[in-house]
Amino acid sequence: MAERMPKWVNSDHLTLLGFAGQIATGVCYALAGRDRRMLLVAIFCLAVNWFGDSLDGTLARVRQQQRPRYGFYVDHMIDSIGAVAMMGGLALSGYMHPAIAIGLLIAFLLLSVQSYLATYTLGEFHLSMWHFGPTELRVLLIVGNLALFRWAWVIHGRYRLFDIGGAIGLAGMLLMLVVATLKNTFRLYREERIR
């Protein structure tokens, strides 16, 4: 796809497209409380986000127009702002308790900080953890939106579907954070042992 991209499209255009898709997903979630069909529009917005976010770096590599520091900085700032929009939208939607949405946002930002610090101190950047990355998260959200469109409340109508999914996701993210932090701390301690 990158090789067939029109010449007038550059990686910055795709980055902005992906960012717009992420912001629009948050807006759709916020509006879904009034009209649940917005959950389906959010699926389209997630696809737009995936397209722009996945292709921007590939296009830069194919055209040999890489800017590693610029791309790293811009992509991750946009991801952080987009995460605030998406979790804010979910918190306003009525489909997820605001405390769970805020918890997910905090866990995402802490995992991001951990990743950036590991990149700086260890010289290693990992976009995915335990084979779970941005693409898998989007697929999970798409499947969740389809399920939510049909079953907003589950287990005898007592619990919101996204509260259960969000709580499981939050527990998994916190576990990832603890494991990665301990692993990197022990590694750095061994590498910089005081003699």
C-alpha atoms as a PDB file:
ATOM      1  CA  MET A   1       0.000   0.000   0.000  1.00  0.00           C
ATOM      2  CA  ALA A   2       2.844   2.391   0.829  1.00  0.00           C
ATOM      3  CA  GLU A   3       4.388   1.883  -2.612  1.00  0.00           C
ATOM      4  CA  ARG A   4       1.081   2.760  -4.302  1.00  0.00           C
ATOM      5  CA  MET A   5       0.399   5.823  -2.171  1.00  0.00           C
ATOM      6  CA  PRO A   6       0.029   9.027  -4.286  1.00  0.00           C
ATOM      7  CA  LYS A   7       3.130  11.239  -4.269  1.00  0.00           C
ATOM      8  CA  TRP A   8       1.276  14.152  -2.669  1.00  0.00           C
ATOM      9  CA  VAL A   9       0.541  12.041   0.438  1.00  0.00           C
ATOM     10  CA  ASN A  10       3.376  12.006   2.953  1.00  0.00           C
ATOM     11  CA  SER A  11       3.860  10.352   6.342  1.00  0.00           C
ATOM     12  CA  ASP A  12       2.725  13.498   8.198  1.00  0.00           C
ATOM     13  CA  HIS A  13      -0.619  13.350   6.360  1.00  0.00           C
ATOM     14  CA  LEU A  14      -1.073   9.745   7.486  1.00  0.00           C
ATOM     15  CA  THR A  15      -0.108  10.618  11.062  1.00  0.00           C
ATOM     16  CA  LEU A  16      -2.746  13.363  11.108  1.00  0.00           C
ATOM     17  CA  LEU A  17      -5.311  11.000   9.562  1.00  0.00           C
ATOM     18  CA  GLY A  18      -4.629   8.423  12.277  1.00  0.00           C
ATOM     19  CA  PHE A  19      -4.864  11.104  14.966  1.00  0.00           C
ATOM     20  CA  ALA A  20      -8.167  12.383  13.557  1.00  0.00           C
ATOM     21  CA  GLY A  21      -9.493   8.820  13.589  1.00  0.00           C
ATOM     22  CA  GLN A  22      -8.550   8.397  17.239  1.00  0.00           C
ATOM     23  CA  ILE A  23     -10.127  11.715  18.280  1.00  0.00           C
ATOM     24  CA  ALA A  24     -13.257  10.875  16.271  1.00  0.00           C
ATOM     25  CA  THR A  25     -13.450   7.495  18.043  1.00  0.00           C
ATOM     26  CA  GLY A  26     -13.557   9.304  21.384  1.00  0.00           C
ATOM     27  CA  VAL A  27     -16.268  11.654  20.105  1.00  0.00           C
ATOM     28  CA  CYS A  28     -18.288   8.666  18.864  1.00  0.00           C
ATOM     29  CA  TYR A  29     -18.037   6.995  22.262  1.00  0.00           C
ATOM     30  CA  ALA A  30     -19.203  10.183  23.975  1.00  0.00           C
ATOM     31  CA  LEU A  31     -22.204  10.401  21.588  1.00  0.00           C
ATOM     32  CA  ALA A  32     -23.023   6.684  21.839  1.00  0.00           C
ATOM     33  CA  GLY A  33     -24.838   7.254  25.121  1.00  0.00           C
ATOM     34  CA  ARG A  34     -27.530   9.097  23.147  1.00  0.00           C
ATOM     35  CA  ASP A  35     -27.406   7.004  19.988  1.00  0.00           C
ATOM     36  CA  ARG A  36     -25.855   3.545  20.157  1.00  0.00           C
ATOM     37  CA  ARG A  37     -25.331   3.525  16.370  1.00  0.00           C
ATOM     38  CA  MET A  38     -22.328   5.737  17.099  1.00  0.00           C
ATOM     39  CA  LEU A  39     -20.626   2.547  18.325  1.00  0.00           C
ATOM     40  CA  LEU A  40     -20.657   1.373  14.703  1.00  0.00           C
ATOM     41  CA  VAL A  41     -19.302   4.719  13.492  1.00  0.00           C
ATOM     42  CA  ALA A  42     -16.541   4.323  16.102  1.00  0.00           C
ATOM     43  CA  ILE A  43     -15.517   1.085  14.348  1.00  0.00           C
ATOM     44  CA  PHE A  44     -14.990   3.029  11.121  1.00  0.00           C
ATOM     45  CA  CYS A  45     -13.002   5.668  13.041  1.00  0.00           C
ATOM     46  CA  LEU A  46     -10.811   2.956  14.599  1.00  0.00           C
ATOM     47  CA  ALA A  47     -10.127   1.624  11.088  1.00  0.00           C
ATOM     48  CA  VAL A  48      -9.110   5.131   9.963  1.00  0.00           C
ATOM     49  CA  ASN A  49      -6.853   5.405  13.016  1.00  0.00           C
ATOM     50  CA  TRP A  50      -5.278   2.025  12.266  1.00  0.00           C
ATOM     51  CA  PHE A  51      -4.702   2.926   8.597  1.00  0.00           C
ATOM     52  CA  GLY A  52      -2.955   6.231   9.333  1.00  0.00           C
ATOM     53  CA  ASP A  53      -1.044   5.072  12.398  1.00  0.00           C
ATOM     54  CA  SER A  54       0.206   1.835  10.821  1.00  0.00           C
ATOM     55  CA  LEU A  55       1.158   3.268   7.445  1.00  0.00           C
ATOM     56  CA  ASP A  56       2.897   6.553   8.327  1.00  0.00           C
ATOM     57  CA  GLY A  57       6.211   4.992   9.360  1.00  0.00           C
ATOM     58  CA  THR A  58       6.080   2.432   6.566  1.00  0.00           C
ATOM     59  CA  LEU A  59       5.621   5.174   3.979  1.00  0.00           C
ATOM     60  CA  ALA A  60       8.595   7.089   5.395  1.00  0.00           C
ATOM     61  CA  ARG A  61      10.765   3.943   5.202  1.00  0.00           C
ATOM     62  CA  VAL A  62       9.647   3.082   1.638  1.00  0.00           C
ATOM     63  CA  ARG A  63      10.437   6.616   0.447  1.00  0.00           C
ATOM     64  CA  GLN A  64      13.622   6.767   2.549  1.00  0.00           C
ATOM     65  CA  GLN A  65      12.371   9.889   4.324  1.00  0.00           C
ATOM     66  CA  GLN A  66      12.817   8.644   7.869  1.00  0.00           C
ATOM     67  CA  ARG A  67      13.056  11.084  10.774  1.00  0.00           C
ATOM     68  CA  PRO A  68      13.464   8.755  13.770  1.00  0.00           C
ATOM     69  CA  ARG A  69      13.458  11.305  16.606  1.00  0.00           C
ATOM     70  CA  TYR A  70      10.699  13.428  15.074  1.00  0.00           C
ATOM     71  CA  GLY A  71       8.560  10.370  14.321  1.00  0.00           C
ATOM     72  CA  PHE A  72       9.087   8.867  17.779  1.00  0.00           C
ATOM     73  CA  TYR A  73       8.168  12.111  19.522  1.00  0.00           C
ATOM     74  CA  VAL A  74       5.170  13.053  17.372  1.00  0.00           C
ATOM     75  CA  ASP A  75       3.695   9.533  17.242  1.00  0.00           C
ATOM     76  CA  HIS A  76       3.830   9.071  20.985  1.00  0.00           C
ATOM     77  CA  MET A  77       2.499  12.517  21.865  1.00  0.00           C
ATOM     78  CA  ILE A  78      -0.387  11.957  19.463  1.00  0.00           C
ATOM     79  CA  ASP A  79      -1.035   8.495  20.929  1.00  0.00           C
ATOM     80  CA  SER A  80      -1.182   9.976  24.437  1.00  0.00           C
ATOM     81  CA  ILE A  81      -3.570  12.762  23.442  1.00  0.00           C
ATOM     82  CA  GLY A  82      -5.682  10.278  21.475  1.00  0.00           C
ATOM     83  CA  ALA A  83      -5.845   7.936  24.472  1.00  0.00           C
ATOM     84  CA  VAL A  84      -7.201  10.805  26.581  1.00  0.00           C
ATOM     85  CA  ALA A  85      -9.874  11.436  23.930  1.00  0.00           C
ATOM     86  CA  MET A  86     -10.871   7.777  23.661  1.00  0.00           C
ATOM     87  CA  MET A  87     -11.011   7.113  27.401  1.00  0.00           C
ATOM     88  CA  GLY A  88     -12.751  10.458  27.945  1.00  0.00           C
ATOM     89  CA  GLY A  89     -15.360   9.456  25.380  1.00  0.00           C
ATOM     90  CA  LEU A  90     -15.890   6.096  27.069  1.00  0.00           C
ATOM     91  CA  ALA A  91     -16.196   7.792  30.476  1.00  0.00           C
ATOM     92  CA  LEU A  92     -18.925  10.068  29.064  1.00  0.00           C
ATOM     93  CA  SER A  93     -20.719   7.326  27.138  1.00  0.00           C
ATOM     94  CA  GLY A  94     -22.508   5.624  30.007  1.00  0.00           C
ATOM     95  CA  TYR A  95     -21.189   2.283  28.694  1.00  0.00           C
ATOM     96  CA  MET A  96     -18.190   2.302  31.048  1.00  0.00           C
ATOM     97  CA  HIS A  97     -17.905   3.596  34.597  1.00  0.00           C
ATOM     98  CA  PRO A  98     -15.734   6.755  34.571  1.00  0.00           C
ATOM     99  CA  ALA A  99     -13.424   5.304  37.262  1.00  0.00           C
ATOM    100  CA  ILE A 100     -12.579   2.329  35.033  1.00  0.00           C
ATOM    101  CA  ALA A 101     -11.984   4.592  32.016  1.00  0.00           C
ATOM    102  CA  ILE A 102      -9.686   6.817  34.107  1.00  0.00           C
ATOM    103  CA  GLY A 103      -7.902   3.747  35.476  1.00  0.00           C
ATOM    104  CA  LEU A 104      -7.307   2.452  31.940  1.00  0.00           C
ATOM    105  CA  LEU A 105      -5.983   5.838  30.861  1.00  0.00           C
ATOM    106  CA  ILE A 106      -3.599   6.037  33.824  1.00  0.00           C
ATOM    107  CA  ALA A 107      -2.389   2.473  33.196  1.00  0.00           C
ATOM    108  CA  PHE A 108      -1.828   3.258  29.493  1.00  0.00           C
ATOM    109  CA  LEU A 109       0.140   6.403  30.325  1.00  0.00           C
ATOM    110  CA  LEU A 110       2.231   4.541  32.935  1.00  0.00           C
ATOM    111  CA  LEU A 111       3.012   1.801  30.420  1.00  0.00           C
ATOM    112  CA  SER A 112       3.977   4.510  27.941  1.00  0.00           C
ATOM    113  CA  VAL A 113       6.326   6.129  30.465  1.00  0.00           C
ATOM    114  CA  GLN A 114       7.846   2.727  31.215  1.00  0.00           C
ATOM    115  CA  SER A 115       8.396   2.141  27.492  1.00  0.00           C
ATOM    116  CA  TYR A 116      10.018   5.550  26.941  1.00  0.00           C
ATOM    117  CA  LEU A 117      12.306   5.154  29.951  1.00  0.00           C
ATOM    118  CA  ALA A 118      13.318   1.678  28.760  1.00  0.00           C
ATOM    119  CA  THR A 119      14.082   3.140  25.342  1.00  0.00           C
ATOM    120  CA  TYR A 120      16.318   5.782  26.915  1.00  0.00           C
ATOM    121  CA  THR A 121      18.067   3.647  29.542  1.00  0.00           C
ATOM    122  CA  LEU A 122      18.294   0.299  27.734  1.00  0.00           C
ATOM    123  CA  GLY A 123      18.249   1.431  24.116  1.00  0.00           C
ATOM    124  CA  GLU A 124      15.332  -0.913  23.417  1.00  0.00           C
ATOM    125  CA  PHE A 125      11.866   0.113  22.297  1.00  0.00           C
ATOM    126  CA  HIS A 126       9.002  -2.386  22.382  1.00  0.00           C
ATOM    127  CA  LEU A 127       5.648  -1.306  20.956  1.00  0.00           C
ATOM    128  CA  SER A 128       3.947  -4.524  22.058  1.00  0.00           C
ATOM    129  CA  MET A 129       3.982  -6.349  25.362  1.00  0.00           C
ATOM    130  CA  TRP A 130       3.307 -10.066  25.568  1.00  0.00           C
ATOM    131  CA  HIS A 131       2.315 -10.088  21.876  1.00  0.00           C
ATOM    132  CA  PHE A 132      -0.360  -7.473  22.585  1.00  0.00           C
ATOM    133  CA  GLY A 133       0.019  -4.160  20.817  1.00  0.00           C
ATOM    134  CA  PRO A 134      -1.963  -1.370  19.148  1.00  0.00           C
ATOM    135  CA  THR A 135      -3.407  -3.541  16.360  1.00  0.00           C
ATOM    136  CA  GLU A 136      -4.657  -6.166  18.812  1.00  0.00           C
ATOM    137  CA  LEU A 137      -6.159  -3.423  20.984  1.00  0.00           C
ATOM    138  CA  ARG A 138      -8.059  -1.991  18.007  1.00  0.00           C
ATOM    139  CA  VAL A 139      -9.382  -5.445  17.061  1.00  0.00           C
ATOM    140  CA  LEU A 140     -10.494  -5.987  20.664  1.00  0.00           C
ATOM    141  CA  LEU A 141     -12.288  -2.618  20.670  1.00  0.00           C
ATOM    142  CA  ILE A 142     -14.008  -3.397  17.366  1.00  0.00           C
ATOM    143  CA  VAL A 143     -15.235  -6.761  18.653  1.00  0.00           C
ATOM    144  CA  GLY A 144     -16.233  -5.064  21.912  1.00  0.00           C
ATOM    145  CA  ASN A 145     -18.214  -2.398  20.047  1.00  0.00           C
ATOM    146  CA  LEU A 146     -20.111  -5.061  18.104  1.00  0.00           C
ATOM    147  CA  ALA A 147     -20.869  -6.965  21.308  1.00  0.00           C
ATOM    148  CA  LEU A 148     -21.796  -3.751  23.107  1.00  0.00           C
ATOM    149  CA  PHE A 149     -24.226  -2.833  20.347  1.00  0.00           C
ATOM    150  CA  ARG A 150     -26.147  -6.013  21.231  1.00  0.00           C
ATOM    151  CA  TRP A 151     -25.403  -6.552  24.943  1.00  0.00           C
ATOM    152  CA  ALA A 152     -24.624  -3.398  26.920  1.00  0.00           C
ATOM    153  CA  TRP A 153     -25.428  -5.182  30.190  1.00  0.00           C
ATOM    154  CA  VAL A 154     -24.388  -8.762  30.960  1.00  0.00           C
ATOM    155  CA  ILE A 155     -24.597 -11.367  33.744  1.00  0.00           C
ATOM    156  CA  HIS A 156     -28.341 -11.115  34.362  1.00  0.00           C
ATOM    157  CA  GLY A 157     -28.294  -7.441  33.380  1.00  0.00           C
ATOM    158  CA  ARG A 158     -26.283  -6.447  36.463  1.00  0.00           C
ATOM    159  CA  TYR A 159     -22.948  -5.398  34.959  1.00  0.00           C
ATOM    160  CA  ARG A 160     -21.910  -3.281  31.999  1.00  0.00           C
ATOM    161  CA  LEU A 161     -20.003  -5.272  29.388  1.00  0.00           C
ATOM    162  CA  PHE A 162     -17.302  -2.610  29.075  1.00  0.00           C
ATOM    163  CA  ASP A 163     -16.902  -2.416  32.855  1.00  0.00           C
ATOM    164  CA  ILE A 164     -16.033  -6.107  32.955  1.00  0.00           C
ATOM    165  CA  GLY A 165     -13.782  -5.882  29.901  1.00  0.00           C
ATOM    166  CA  GLY A 166     -12.204  -2.681  31.200  1.00  0.00           C
ATOM    167  CA  ALA A 167     -11.507  -4.188  34.613  1.00  0.00           C
ATOM    168  CA  ILE A 168      -9.862  -7.231  33.009  1.00  0.00           C
ATOM    169  CA  GLY A 169      -7.841  -4.953  30.715  1.00  0.00           C
ATOM    170  CA  LEU A 170      -6.804  -2.770  33.642  1.00  0.00           C
ATOM    171  CA  ALA A 171      -5.620  -5.778  35.647  1.00  0.00           C
ATOM    172  CA  GLY A 172      -3.635  -7.032  32.642  1.00  0.00           C
ATOM    173  CA  MET A 173      -2.041  -3.632  32.019  1.00  0.00           C
ATOM    174  CA  LEU A 174      -1.048  -3.249  35.664  1.00  0.00           C
ATOM    175  CA  LEU A 175       0.479  -6.734  35.627  1.00  0.00           C
ATOM    176  CA  MET A 176       2.445  -5.835  32.482  1.00  0.00           C
ATOM    177  CA  LEU A 177       3.635  -2.638  34.170  1.00  0.00           C
ATOM    178  CA  VAL A 178       4.823  -4.423  37.315  1.00  0.00           C
ATOM    179  CA  VAL A 179       6.591  -7.209  35.380  1.00  0.00           C
ATOM    180  CA  ALA A 180       8.313  -4.817  32.933  1.00  0.00           C
ATOM    181  CA  THR A 181       9.355  -2.440  35.722  1.00  0.00           C
ATOM    182  CA  LEU A 182      10.838  -5.221  37.867  1.00  0.00           C
ATOM    183  CA  LYS A 183      12.580  -6.836  34.872  1.00  0.00           C
ATOM    184  CA  ASN A 184      14.156  -3.554  33.736  1.00  0.00           C
ATOM    185  CA  THR A 185      15.066  -2.488  37.282  1.00  0.00           C
ATOM    186  CA  PHE A 186      16.907  -5.769  37.959  1.00  0.00           C
ATOM    187  CA  ARG A 187      18.637  -5.601  34.584  1.00  0.00           C
ATOM    188  CA  LEU A 188      19.827  -2.026  35.150  1.00  0.00           C
ATOM    189  CA  TYR A 189      20.907  -2.906  38.689  1.00  0.00           C
ATOM    190  CA  ARG A 190      23.046  -5.778  37.373  1.00  0.00           C
ATOM    191  CA  GLU A 191      24.517  -3.656  34.564  1.00  0.00           C
ATOM    192  CA  GLU A 192      25.379  -0.751  36.882  1.00  0.00           C
ATOM    193  CA  ARG A 193      26.343  -2.644  40.019  1.00  0.00           C
ATOM    194  CA  ILE A 194      28.462  -0.593  42.437  1.00  0.00           C
ATOM    195  CA  ARG A 195      31.818  -2.304  42.956  1.00  0.00           C
END
